[in-house]
Amino acid sequence: MRSTVISAKTVEECVNKALDKLQANRNEVNI
């Protein structure tokens, strides 16, 4: 089940990147 652990980590990274992009977009809109 190594693939499950890897996928979980990649999912977390993708979510973090998505959140960062959303925050950046919000900052641009606010400015």
N, C-alpha and C. Protein backbone atom coordinates (compact mmCIF):
# COMPACT_ATOMS: atom_id res chain seq x y z
N MET A 1 0.85 -1.22 0.00
CA MET A 1 0.00 0.00 0.00
C MET A 1 0.87 1.25 0.00
N ARG A 2 2.07 1.15 -0.52
CA ARG A 2 2.94 2.33 -0.55
C ARG A 2 2.31 3.43 -1.40
N SER A 3 1.65 3.02 -2.47
CA SER A 3 1.04 4.00 -3.38
C SER A 3 0.05 4.88 -2.62
N THR A 4 -0.64 4.32 -1.64
CA THR A 4 -1.63 5.11 -0.90
C THR A 4 -0.94 6.23 -0.14
N VAL A 5 0.17 5.89 0.51
CA VAL A 5 0.89 6.91 1.29
C VAL A 5 1.39 8.01 0.36
N ILE A 6 1.99 7.61 -0.77
CA ILE A 6 2.52 8.59 -1.72
C ILE A 6 1.40 9.49 -2.23
N SER A 7 0.29 8.87 -2.60
CA SER A 7 -0.83 9.64 -3.14
C SER A 7 -1.33 10.62 -2.08
N ALA A 8 -1.38 10.18 -0.83
CA ALA A 8 -1.84 11.05 0.25
C ALA A 8 -0.92 12.26 0.37
N LYS A 9 0.38 12.03 0.30
CA LYS A 9 1.33 13.14 0.39
C LYS A 9 1.16 14.08 -0.80
N THR A 10 1.03 13.52 -1.98
CA THR A 10 0.89 14.36 -3.18
C THR A 10 -0.40 15.16 -3.10
N VAL A 11 -1.45 14.54 -2.58
CA VAL A 11 -2.73 15.25 -2.45
C VAL A 11 -2.56 16.44 -1.51
N GLU A 12 -1.88 16.22 -0.39
CA GLU A 12 -1.65 17.32 0.56
C GLU A 12 -0.87 18.44 -0.12
N GLU A 13 0.15 18.08 -0.89
CA GLU A 13 0.96 19.10 -1.57
C GLU A 13 0.09 19.87 -2.57
N CYS A 14 -0.74 19.14 -3.32
CA CYS A 14 -1.61 19.79 -4.30
C CYS A 14 -2.57 20.73 -3.60
N VAL A 15 -3.12 20.29 -2.48
CA VAL A 15 -4.08 21.14 -1.73
C VAL A 15 -3.37 22.39 -1.23
N ASN A 16 -2.17 22.21 -0.69
CA ASN A 16 -1.42 23.37 -0.19
C ASN A 16 -1.14 24.35 -1.32
N LYS A 17 -0.74 23.85 -2.47
CA LYS A 17 -0.45 24.72 -3.62
C LYS A 17 -1.72 25.44 -4.05
N ALA A 18 -2.84 24.71 -4.08
CA ALA A 18 -4.11 25.32 -4.48
C ALA A 18 -4.49 26.42 -3.49
N LEU A 19 -4.32 26.16 -2.20
CA LEU A 19 -4.66 27.17 -1.19
C LEU A 19 -3.78 28.40 -1.38
N ASP A 20 -2.50 28.18 -1.62
CA ASP A 20 -1.58 29.30 -1.84
C ASP A 20 -2.05 30.13 -3.04
N LYS A 21 -2.44 29.47 -4.11
CA LYS A 21 -2.91 30.18 -5.31
C LYS A 21 -4.16 30.98 -4.98
N LEU A 22 -5.08 30.37 -4.23
CA LEU A 22 -6.33 31.07 -3.87
C LEU A 22 -6.00 32.30 -3.03
N GLN A 23 -5.10 32.15 -2.06
CA GLN A 23 -4.73 33.27 -1.21
C GLN A 23 -4.09 34.38 -2.05
N ALA A 24 -3.24 34.02 -2.98
CA ALA A 24 -2.58 35.01 -3.84
C ALA A 24 -3.63 35.74 -4.67
N ASN A 25 -4.59 35.00 -5.22
CA ASN A 25 -5.64 35.63 -6.02
C ASN A 25 -6.45 36.59 -5.17
N ARG A 26 -6.76 36.20 -3.95
CA ARG A 26 -7.53 37.06 -3.05
C ARG A 26 -6.75 38.33 -2.76
N ASN A 27 -5.45 38.19 -2.52
CA ASN A 27 -4.62 39.37 -2.24
C ASN A 27 -4.64 40.32 -3.43
N GLU A 28 -4.53 39.77 -4.64
CA GLU A 28 -4.54 40.62 -5.84
C GLU A 28 -5.87 41.35 -5.95
N VAL A 29 -6.95 40.66 -5.68
CA VAL A 29 -8.28 41.27 -5.78
C VAL A 29 -8.41 42.37 -4.73
N ASN A 30 -7.95 42.08 -3.51
CA ASN A 30 -8.06 43.08 -2.45
C ASN A 30 -7.28 44.33 -2.82
N ILE A 31 -6.13 44.15 -3.41
CA ILE A 31 -5.30 45.31 -3.78
C ILE A 31 -6.00 46.06 -4.89
